[in-house]
Amino acid sequence: MAENVNRRDFLGMTLGGIAAIGVGASLVAMKSSWDPLPSVVSAGFTTIDLSSMQEGEYRQVEYRGTPVYVIKKTAEMKKCEERDVVVGNADYSLGIQICTHLGCIPSYDSKSTEFHCACHGGRFDACGKNVFGPPPSPMAIPPFKIEGAKLVLGEEGPEYLKLVGKA
């Protein structure tokens, strides 16, 4: 009789050990599925070197899967004190290049210095402000900070907080 109890105890402990290992493996798998993918983590910040930009130059970069524009303004371009980004002694326009009407991507026309949305004829000026058509608001400004002659998208610096009224 004592031999059967020992065998039962061994089987019970083995079953309990296997169950504990299974629970541990399930928890590890669950946690790894909750963590962001490495591609998402690496896309958290985008650095734009502004030192090589010429006056009037338009540049489009990708930030977290969305197009972001940067324009180095000329003296003739309209000033937008509430939206201009000043790096050194140059003014830049920066925004997420998505139409605020239906989410289209407007194209930039360097001759008129405007963004044109092909879907419904919406227009934005070089500052990203809606000037014609159905877009209800200006293009959004992504969070950024200035590091020397570089613009780092993805981190809220004092310049960004001032633009959005949080400083």
N, C-alpha and C. Protein backbone atom coordinates (compact mmCIF):
# COMPACT_ATOMS: atom_id res chain seq x y z
N MET A 1 0.80 -1.18 0.00
CA MET A 1 0.00 0.00 0.00
C MET A 1 0.86 1.25 0.00
N ALA A 2 1.92 1.27 0.76
CA ALA A 2 2.81 2.43 0.84
C ALA A 2 3.46 2.71 -0.50
N GLU A 3 3.69 1.63 -1.29
CA GLU A 3 4.29 1.78 -2.60
C GLU A 3 3.35 2.53 -3.54
N ASN A 4 2.04 2.29 -3.51
CA ASN A 4 1.06 2.98 -4.34
C ASN A 4 0.95 4.47 -3.98
N VAL A 5 1.05 4.79 -2.70
CA VAL A 5 0.98 6.19 -2.28
C VAL A 5 2.19 6.95 -2.81
N ASN A 6 3.35 6.37 -2.76
CA ASN A 6 4.56 7.02 -3.28
C ASN A 6 4.47 7.25 -4.78
N ARG A 7 3.94 6.26 -5.49
CA ARG A 7 3.78 6.37 -6.93
C ARG A 7 2.78 7.48 -7.24
N ARG A 8 1.68 7.54 -6.46
CA ARG A 8 0.68 8.60 -6.66
C ARG A 8 1.28 9.97 -6.36
N ASP A 9 2.06 10.07 -5.29
CA ASP A 9 2.70 11.33 -4.94
C ASP A 9 3.64 11.77 -6.07
N PHE A 10 4.40 10.83 -6.63
CA PHE A 10 5.31 11.15 -7.72
C PHE A 10 4.54 11.65 -8.95
N LEU A 11 3.47 10.97 -9.31
CA LEU A 11 2.66 11.39 -10.46
C LEU A 11 2.02 12.76 -10.21
N GLY A 12 1.57 13.00 -8.99
CA GLY A 12 0.98 14.31 -8.66
C GLY A 12 2.01 15.43 -8.74
N MET A 13 3.20 15.18 -8.21
CA MET A 13 4.25 16.19 -8.28
C MET A 13 4.70 16.43 -9.71
N THR A 14 4.78 15.38 -10.51
CA THR A 14 5.16 15.52 -11.91
C THR A 14 4.13 16.34 -12.67
N LEU A 15 2.86 16.03 -12.45
CA LEU A 15 1.79 16.77 -13.10
C LEU A 15 1.81 18.25 -12.67
N GLY A 16 2.00 18.50 -11.37
CA GLY A 16 2.08 19.87 -10.88
C GLY A 16 3.26 20.63 -11.47
N GLY A 17 4.41 19.96 -11.59
CA GLY A 17 5.60 20.59 -12.18
C GLY A 17 5.40 20.95 -13.63
N ILE A 18 4.80 20.04 -14.40
CA ILE A 18 4.53 20.29 -15.82
C ILE A 18 3.53 21.43 -15.98
N ALA A 19 2.52 21.46 -15.12
CA ALA A 19 1.53 22.55 -15.16
C ALA A 19 2.19 23.89 -14.84
N ALA A 20 3.10 23.92 -13.85
CA ALA A 20 3.79 25.16 -13.49
C ALA A 20 4.67 25.65 -14.64
N ILE A 21 5.35 24.75 -15.32
CA ILE A 21 6.18 25.12 -16.47
C ILE A 21 5.30 25.66 -17.59
N GLY A 22 4.15 25.03 -17.82
CA GLY A 22 3.22 25.50 -18.86
C GLY A 22 2.68 26.88 -18.55
N VAL A 23 2.34 27.14 -17.28
CA VAL A 23 1.84 28.46 -16.89
C VAL A 23 2.94 29.50 -17.08
N GLY A 24 4.17 29.18 -16.68
CA GLY A 24 5.29 30.11 -16.84
C GLY A 24 5.54 30.44 -18.30
N ALA A 25 5.54 29.41 -19.16
CA ALA A 25 5.76 29.63 -20.59
C ALA A 25 4.63 30.48 -21.19
N SER A 26 3.41 30.25 -20.75
CA SER A 26 2.27 31.04 -21.24
C SER A 26 2.41 32.50 -20.84
N LEU A 27 2.85 32.77 -19.60
CA LEU A 27 3.02 34.14 -19.14
C LEU A 27 4.12 34.86 -19.92
N VAL A 28 5.22 34.14 -20.20
CA VAL A 28 6.31 34.73 -20.99
C VAL A 28 5.81 35.06 -22.40
N ALA A 29 5.07 34.15 -23.00
CA ALA A 29 4.53 34.39 -24.35
C ALA A 29 3.55 35.56 -24.35
N MET A 30 2.71 35.65 -23.31
CA MET A 30 1.76 36.76 -23.22
C MET A 30 2.47 38.09 -23.11
N LYS A 31 3.51 38.15 -22.26
CA LYS A 31 4.23 39.40 -22.08
C LYS A 31 4.93 39.82 -23.36
N SER A 32 5.53 38.89 -24.07
CA SER A 32 6.22 39.26 -25.31
C SER A 32 5.23 39.71 -26.38
N SER A 33 4.00 39.24 -26.34
CA SER A 33 3.01 39.71 -27.32
C SER A 33 2.51 41.11 -26.97
N TRP A 34 2.63 41.52 -25.72
CA TRP A 34 2.21 42.87 -25.32
C TRP A 34 3.28 43.91 -25.61
N ASP A 35 4.55 43.52 -25.66
CA ASP A 35 5.63 44.45 -25.93
C ASP A 35 5.53 44.95 -27.37
N PRO A 36 5.90 46.22 -27.61
CA PRO A 36 5.87 46.73 -28.99
C PRO A 36 6.93 46.03 -29.83
N LEU A 37 6.67 45.93 -31.12
CA LEU A 37 7.62 45.31 -32.04
C LEU A 37 8.88 46.16 -32.12
N PRO A 38 10.02 45.56 -32.40
CA PRO A 38 11.26 46.34 -32.52
C PRO A 38 11.16 47.43 -33.59
N SER A 39 10.42 47.17 -34.66
CA SER A 39 10.27 48.19 -35.71
C SER A 39 9.50 49.40 -35.21
N VAL A 40 8.57 49.19 -34.28
CA VAL A 40 7.81 50.30 -33.71
C VAL A 40 8.69 51.09 -32.74
N VAL A 41 9.47 50.40 -31.94
CA VAL A 41 10.35 51.07 -30.99
C VAL A 41 11.38 51.91 -31.73
N SER A 42 11.97 51.37 -32.79
CA SER A 42 13.00 52.10 -33.53
C SER A 42 12.41 53.27 -34.30
N ALA A 43 11.11 53.25 -34.60
CA ALA A 43 10.47 54.34 -35.33
C ALA A 43 10.01 55.45 -34.41
N GLY A 44 10.35 55.38 -33.14
CA GLY A 44 9.90 56.37 -32.18
C GLY A 44 10.46 57.76 -32.42
N PHE A 45 11.68 57.86 -32.93
CA PHE A 45 12.31 59.15 -33.16
C PHE A 45 12.82 59.22 -34.59
N THR A 46 12.69 60.38 -35.21
CA THR A 46 13.23 60.63 -36.53
C THR A 46 14.05 61.90 -36.44
N THR A 47 15.29 61.86 -36.88
CA THR A 47 16.17 63.02 -36.84
C THR A 47 16.34 63.59 -38.24
N ILE A 48 16.15 64.89 -38.37
CA ILE A 48 16.28 65.58 -39.65
C ILE A 48 17.42 66.58 -39.53
N ASP A 49 18.43 66.44 -40.39
CA ASP A 49 19.54 67.39 -40.41
C ASP A 49 19.15 68.58 -41.28
N LEU A 50 19.03 69.73 -40.67
CA LEU A 50 18.59 70.94 -41.38
C LEU A 50 19.75 71.73 -41.96
N SER A 51 20.98 71.39 -41.62
CA SER A 51 22.14 72.19 -42.01
C SER A 51 22.33 72.25 -43.53
N SER A 52 21.92 71.22 -44.24
CA SER A 52 22.15 71.18 -45.70
C SER A 52 20.97 71.75 -46.50
N MET A 53 19.89 72.15 -45.84
CA MET A 53 18.72 72.65 -46.57
C MET A 53 18.96 74.06 -47.11
N GLN A 54 18.53 74.27 -48.34
CA GLN A 54 18.61 75.58 -48.99
C GLN A 54 17.30 76.34 -48.78
N GLU A 55 17.34 77.67 -48.91
CA GLU A 55 16.12 78.46 -48.77
C GLU A 55 15.09 78.03 -49.81
N GLY A 56 13.85 77.87 -49.38
CA GLY A 56 12.77 77.46 -50.26
C GLY A 56 12.67 75.96 -50.46
N GLU A 57 13.61 75.20 -49.92
CA GLU A 57 13.62 73.75 -50.11
C GLU A 57 12.53 73.08 -49.28
N TYR A 58 11.87 72.13 -49.92
CA TYR A 58 10.82 71.31 -49.29
C TYR A 58 11.40 69.92 -49.12
N ARG A 59 11.20 69.35 -47.95
CA ARG A 59 11.67 67.99 -47.69
C ARG A 59 10.56 67.23 -46.99
N GLN A 60 10.35 65.98 -47.41
CA GLN A 60 9.35 65.13 -46.76
C GLN A 60 10.06 63.93 -46.14
N VAL A 61 9.75 63.66 -44.87
CA VAL A 61 10.31 62.51 -44.17
C VAL A 61 9.15 61.71 -43.59
N GLU A 62 9.45 60.48 -43.18
CA GLU A 62 8.42 59.65 -42.57
C GLU A 62 8.67 59.59 -41.07
N TYR A 63 7.61 59.84 -40.32
CA TYR A 63 7.67 59.79 -38.87
C TYR A 63 6.51 58.94 -38.38
N ARG A 64 6.83 57.78 -37.79
CA ARG A 64 5.83 56.83 -37.30
C ARG A 64 4.78 56.49 -38.35
N GLY A 65 5.23 56.31 -39.58
CA GLY A 65 4.35 55.89 -40.66
C GLY A 65 3.55 57.01 -41.30
N THR A 66 3.78 58.26 -40.90
CA THR A 66 3.06 59.38 -41.50
C THR A 66 4.05 60.33 -42.16
N PRO A 67 3.63 60.99 -43.25
CA PRO A 67 4.53 61.94 -43.91
C PRO A 67 4.59 63.25 -43.13
N VAL A 68 5.80 63.75 -42.96
CA VAL A 68 6.03 65.03 -42.28
C VAL A 68 6.83 65.90 -43.25
N TYR A 69 6.41 67.16 -43.39
CA TYR A 69 7.12 68.07 -44.28
C TYR A 69 7.94 69.06 -43.48
N VAL A 70 9.05 69.50 -44.08
CA VAL A 70 9.87 70.56 -43.53
C VAL A 70 10.19 71.49 -44.70
N ILE A 71 9.95 72.79 -44.54
CA ILE A 71 10.25 73.78 -45.56
C ILE A 71 11.14 74.84 -44.93
N LYS A 72 12.29 75.10 -45.55
CA LYS A 72 13.12 76.23 -45.10
C LYS A 72 12.60 77.46 -45.82
N LYS A 73 12.07 78.37 -45.05
CA LYS A 73 11.38 79.52 -45.62
C LYS A 73 12.34 80.55 -46.20
N THR A 74 11.88 81.17 -47.28
CA THR A 74 12.60 82.29 -47.87
C THR A 74 12.08 83.58 -47.25
N ALA A 75 12.74 84.67 -47.55
CA ALA A 75 12.30 85.97 -47.02
C ALA A 75 10.94 86.36 -47.57
N GLU A 76 10.60 85.88 -48.78
CA GLU A 76 9.32 86.22 -49.40
C GLU A 76 8.14 85.42 -48.85
N MET A 77 8.42 84.28 -48.26
CA MET A 77 7.34 83.43 -47.74
C MET A 77 6.69 84.09 -46.52
N LYS A 78 5.40 83.88 -46.43
CA LYS A 78 4.61 84.47 -45.34
C LYS A 78 5.11 83.96 -43.98
N LYS A 79 5.24 84.88 -43.05
CA LYS A 79 5.64 84.52 -41.69
C LYS A 79 4.41 84.04 -40.92
N CYS A 80 4.61 83.02 -40.14
CA CYS A 80 3.55 82.48 -39.28
C CYS A 80 4.14 82.35 -37.89
N GLU A 81 4.16 83.42 -37.15
CA GLU A 81 4.82 83.41 -35.84
C GLU A 81 4.30 82.30 -34.94
N GLU A 82 3.01 81.99 -35.03
CA GLU A 82 2.45 80.98 -34.14
C GLU A 82 2.75 79.56 -34.59
N ARG A 83 3.35 79.38 -35.80
CA ARG A 83 3.64 78.03 -36.29
C ARG A 83 5.07 77.87 -36.79
N ASP A 84 5.84 78.94 -36.91
CA ASP A 84 7.20 78.84 -37.44
C ASP A 84 8.14 78.22 -36.41
N VAL A 85 9.06 77.42 -36.93
CA VAL A 85 10.10 76.81 -36.10
C VAL A 85 11.40 77.54 -36.45
N VAL A 86 12.03 78.15 -35.47
CA VAL A 86 13.26 78.91 -35.70
C VAL A 86 14.44 78.06 -35.22
N VAL A 87 15.35 77.79 -36.16
CA VAL A 87 16.57 77.06 -35.85
C VAL A 87 17.72 77.96 -36.28
N GLY A 88 18.51 78.41 -35.33
CA GLY A 88 19.56 79.39 -35.64
C GLY A 88 18.89 80.70 -36.01
N ASN A 89 19.20 81.20 -37.19
CA ASN A 89 18.52 82.41 -37.66
C ASN A 89 17.71 82.12 -38.92
N ALA A 90 17.23 80.90 -39.06
CA ALA A 90 16.39 80.51 -40.20
C ALA A 90 15.02 80.06 -39.70
N ASP A 91 14.00 80.39 -40.50
CA ASP A 91 12.63 79.96 -40.19
C ASP A 91 12.29 78.72 -41.00
N TYR A 92 11.63 77.79 -40.34
CA TYR A 92 11.19 76.56 -40.98
C TYR A 92 9.70 76.37 -40.74
N SER A 93 9.06 75.72 -41.66
CA SER A 93 7.68 75.31 -41.49
C SER A 93 7.70 73.80 -41.35
N LEU A 94 6.91 73.28 -40.42
CA LEU A 94 6.92 71.86 -40.11
C LEU A 94 5.50 71.40 -39.84
N GLY A 95 5.12 70.25 -40.35
CA GLY A 95 3.79 69.73 -40.06
C GLY A 95 3.61 68.31 -40.56
N ILE A 96 2.57 67.67 -40.07
CA ILE A 96 2.20 66.34 -40.56
C ILE A 96 1.40 66.55 -41.83
N GLN A 97 1.91 66.05 -42.94
CA GLN A 97 1.34 66.32 -44.26
C GLN A 97 0.13 65.45 -44.55
N ILE A 98 -0.90 65.63 -43.74
CA ILE A 98 -2.15 64.91 -43.92
C ILE A 98 -3.29 65.93 -43.87
N CYS A 99 -4.17 65.89 -44.86
CA CYS A 99 -5.30 66.83 -44.92
C CYS A 99 -6.23 66.57 -43.74
N THR A 100 -6.65 67.64 -43.11
CA THR A 100 -7.52 67.51 -41.94
C THR A 100 -8.98 67.30 -42.30
N HIS A 101 -9.28 67.22 -43.61
CA HIS A 101 -10.66 66.96 -44.04
C HIS A 101 -10.95 65.47 -44.03
N LEU A 102 -10.24 64.73 -44.89
CA LEU A 102 -10.49 63.29 -44.98
C LEU A 102 -9.23 62.43 -44.88
N GLY A 103 -8.11 63.03 -44.52
CA GLY A 103 -6.89 62.25 -44.31
C GLY A 103 -6.08 61.97 -45.54
N CYS A 104 -6.28 62.72 -46.62
CA CYS A 104 -5.47 62.54 -47.83
C CYS A 104 -4.09 63.17 -47.61
N ILE A 105 -3.18 62.88 -48.53
CA ILE A 105 -1.84 63.47 -48.46
C ILE A 105 -1.75 64.54 -49.54
N PRO A 106 -1.79 65.81 -49.16
CA PRO A 106 -1.70 66.89 -50.15
C PRO A 106 -0.30 66.98 -50.74
N SER A 107 -0.21 67.38 -51.99
CA SER A 107 1.09 67.56 -52.64
C SER A 107 1.52 69.01 -52.50
N TYR A 108 2.83 69.22 -52.47
CA TYR A 108 3.36 70.57 -52.30
C TYR A 108 3.71 71.15 -53.66
N ASP A 109 3.23 72.36 -53.93
CA ASP A 109 3.54 73.08 -55.16
C ASP A 109 4.52 74.19 -54.80
N SER A 110 5.77 74.04 -55.23
CA SER A 110 6.81 75.01 -54.85
C SER A 110 6.61 76.37 -55.52
N LYS A 111 5.90 76.42 -56.66
CA LYS A 111 5.67 77.70 -57.33
C LYS A 111 4.70 78.57 -56.55
N SER A 112 3.60 77.98 -56.08
CA SER A 112 2.61 78.75 -55.31
C SER A 112 2.87 78.66 -53.81
N THR A 113 3.84 77.85 -53.41
CA THR A 113 4.17 77.56 -52.00
C THR A 113 2.91 77.18 -51.22
N GLU A 114 2.13 76.29 -51.82
CA GLU A 114 0.92 75.78 -51.17
C GLU A 114 0.85 74.27 -51.30
N PHE A 115 0.12 73.67 -50.37
CA PHE A 115 -0.20 72.25 -50.45
C PHE A 115 -1.57 72.15 -51.08
N HIS A 116 -1.72 71.25 -52.07
CA HIS A 116 -2.99 71.05 -52.76
C HIS A 116 -3.48 69.63 -52.50
N CYS A 117 -4.70 69.52 -52.00
CA CYS A 117 -5.31 68.21 -51.78
C CYS A 117 -6.15 67.88 -53.00
N ALA A 118 -5.83 66.80 -53.67
CA ALA A 118 -6.49 66.44 -54.92
C ALA A 118 -7.93 65.97 -54.73
N CYS A 119 -8.28 65.49 -53.55
CA CYS A 119 -9.61 64.90 -53.34
C CYS A 119 -10.74 65.93 -53.43
N HIS A 120 -10.64 66.99 -52.65
CA HIS A 120 -11.74 67.94 -52.59
C HIS A 120 -11.29 69.38 -52.78
N GLY A 121 -10.07 69.58 -53.29
CA GLY A 121 -9.59 70.92 -53.61
C GLY A 121 -9.13 71.74 -52.43
N GLY A 122 -8.89 71.12 -51.31
CA GLY A 122 -8.41 71.86 -50.15
C GLY A 122 -7.00 72.37 -50.37
N ARG A 123 -6.71 73.53 -49.78
CA ARG A 123 -5.37 74.11 -49.90
C ARG A 123 -4.87 74.55 -48.54
N PHE A 124 -3.58 74.38 -48.36
CA PHE A 124 -2.89 74.82 -47.16
C PHE A 124 -1.72 75.68 -47.60
N ASP A 125 -1.42 76.74 -46.85
CA ASP A 125 -0.25 77.54 -47.19
C ASP A 125 1.02 76.85 -46.71
N ALA A 126 2.16 77.48 -46.93
CA ALA A 126 3.44 76.87 -46.55
C ALA A 126 3.57 76.69 -45.05
N CYS A 127 2.76 77.39 -44.28
CA CYS A 127 2.77 77.24 -42.81
C CYS A 127 1.93 76.04 -42.36
N GLY A 128 1.15 75.46 -43.27
CA GLY A 128 0.28 74.35 -42.90
C GLY A 128 -1.12 74.79 -42.52
N LYS A 129 -1.42 76.09 -42.68
CA LYS A 129 -2.76 76.59 -42.35
C LYS A 129 -3.71 76.34 -43.51
N ASN A 130 -4.94 75.97 -43.18
CA ASN A 130 -5.96 75.77 -44.20
C ASN A 130 -6.38 77.14 -44.74
N VAL A 131 -6.31 77.31 -46.09
CA VAL A 131 -6.64 78.60 -46.69
C VAL A 131 -7.81 78.53 -47.67
N PHE A 132 -8.16 77.32 -48.12
CA PHE A 132 -9.27 77.20 -49.07
C PHE A 132 -9.83 75.79 -49.02
N GLY A 133 -11.13 75.67 -49.22
CA GLY A 133 -11.77 74.37 -49.34
C GLY A 133 -12.27 73.82 -48.02
N PRO A 134 -12.55 72.53 -48.01
CA PRO A 134 -13.20 71.92 -46.85
C PRO A 134 -12.33 71.57 -45.64
N PRO A 135 -10.98 71.63 -45.69
CA PRO A 135 -10.24 71.28 -44.48
C PRO A 135 -10.63 72.18 -43.30
N PRO A 136 -11.05 71.58 -42.18
CA PRO A 136 -11.55 72.38 -41.06
C PRO A 136 -10.47 73.00 -40.17
N SER A 137 -9.23 72.51 -40.27
CA SER A 137 -8.19 73.02 -39.37
C SER A 137 -6.83 72.89 -40.04
N PRO A 138 -5.82 73.57 -39.48
CA PRO A 138 -4.47 73.44 -40.04
C PRO A 138 -3.91 72.04 -39.86
N MET A 139 -2.84 71.76 -40.61
CA MET A 139 -2.15 70.48 -40.44
C MET A 139 -1.53 70.44 -39.04
N ALA A 140 -1.49 69.26 -38.47
CA ALA A 140 -0.95 69.09 -37.12
C ALA A 140 0.57 69.24 -37.13
N ILE A 141 1.10 69.60 -35.99
CA ILE A 141 2.55 69.71 -35.82
C ILE A 141 3.00 68.53 -34.97
N PRO A 142 3.95 67.73 -35.47
CA PRO A 142 4.42 66.59 -34.67
C PRO A 142 5.28 67.07 -33.51
N PRO A 143 5.35 66.30 -32.43
CA PRO A 143 6.23 66.69 -31.33
C PRO A 143 7.68 66.69 -31.79
N PHE A 144 8.43 67.72 -31.40
CA PHE A 144 9.82 67.82 -31.83
C PHE A 144 10.64 68.56 -30.79
N LYS A 145 11.95 68.43 -30.93
CA LYS A 145 12.88 69.25 -30.17
C LYS A 145 14.03 69.58 -31.09
N ILE A 146 14.71 70.67 -30.79
CA ILE A 146 15.82 71.14 -31.61
C ILE A 146 17.13 70.81 -30.89
N GLU A 147 18.03 70.16 -31.63
CA GLU A 147 19.37 69.84 -31.12
C GLU A 147 20.39 70.40 -32.10
N GLY A 148 20.84 71.61 -31.87
CA GLY A 148 21.79 72.25 -32.78
C GLY A 148 21.11 72.56 -34.09
N ALA A 149 21.60 71.95 -35.17
CA ALA A 149 21.00 72.13 -36.50
C ALA A 149 20.15 70.93 -36.89
N LYS A 150 19.73 70.16 -35.89
CA LYS A 150 18.90 68.97 -36.16
C LYS A 150 17.56 69.10 -35.48
N LEU A 151 16.58 68.54 -36.13
CA LEU A 151 15.22 68.49 -35.61
C LEU A 151 14.94 67.04 -35.25
N VAL A 152 14.59 66.77 -34.01
CA VAL A 152 14.31 65.41 -33.56
C VAL A 152 12.80 65.28 -33.37
N LEU A 153 12.17 64.50 -34.24
CA LEU A 153 10.72 64.28 -34.14
C LEU A 153 10.46 63.16 -33.15
N GLY A 154 9.47 63.36 -32.29
CA GLY A 154 9.09 62.31 -31.35
C GLY A 154 9.33 62.68 -29.91
N GLU A 155 9.94 63.84 -29.67
CA GLU A 155 10.20 64.27 -28.30
C GLU A 155 9.73 65.71 -28.15
N GLU A 156 9.02 66.01 -27.09
CA GLU A 156 8.48 67.35 -26.88
C GLU A 156 9.54 68.25 -26.25
N GLY A 157 10.12 69.13 -27.07
CA GLY A 157 11.08 70.10 -26.58
C GLY A 157 10.38 71.40 -26.22
N PRO A 158 11.12 72.37 -25.65
CA PRO A 158 10.50 73.64 -25.26
C PRO A 158 9.92 74.41 -26.44
N GLU A 159 10.53 74.28 -27.63
CA GLU A 159 10.02 74.98 -28.81
C GLU A 159 8.65 74.44 -29.21
N TYR A 160 8.50 73.12 -29.15
CA TYR A 160 7.22 72.49 -29.47
C TYR A 160 6.15 72.90 -28.45
N LEU A 161 6.49 72.85 -27.19
CA LEU A 161 5.53 73.20 -26.14
C LEU A 161 5.08 74.65 -26.28
N LYS A 162 5.98 75.53 -26.72
CA LYS A 162 5.61 76.92 -26.94
C LYS A 162 4.64 77.04 -28.12
N LEU A 163 4.90 76.28 -29.21
CA LEU A 163 4.02 76.33 -30.37
C LEU A 163 2.60 75.85 -30.07
N VAL A 164 2.49 74.82 -29.28
CA VAL A 164 1.16 74.25 -29.01
C VAL A 164 0.52 74.83 -27.76
N GLY A 165 1.19 75.81 -27.16
CA GLY A 165 0.60 76.53 -26.03
C GLY A 165 0.67 75.81 -24.71
N LYS A 166 1.63 74.90 -24.53
CA LYS A 166 1.75 74.18 -23.26
C LYS A 166 2.89 74.74 -22.41
N ALA A 167 3.62 75.73 -22.94
CA ALA A 167 4.76 76.28 -22.17
C ALA A 167 4.37 77.54 -21.43
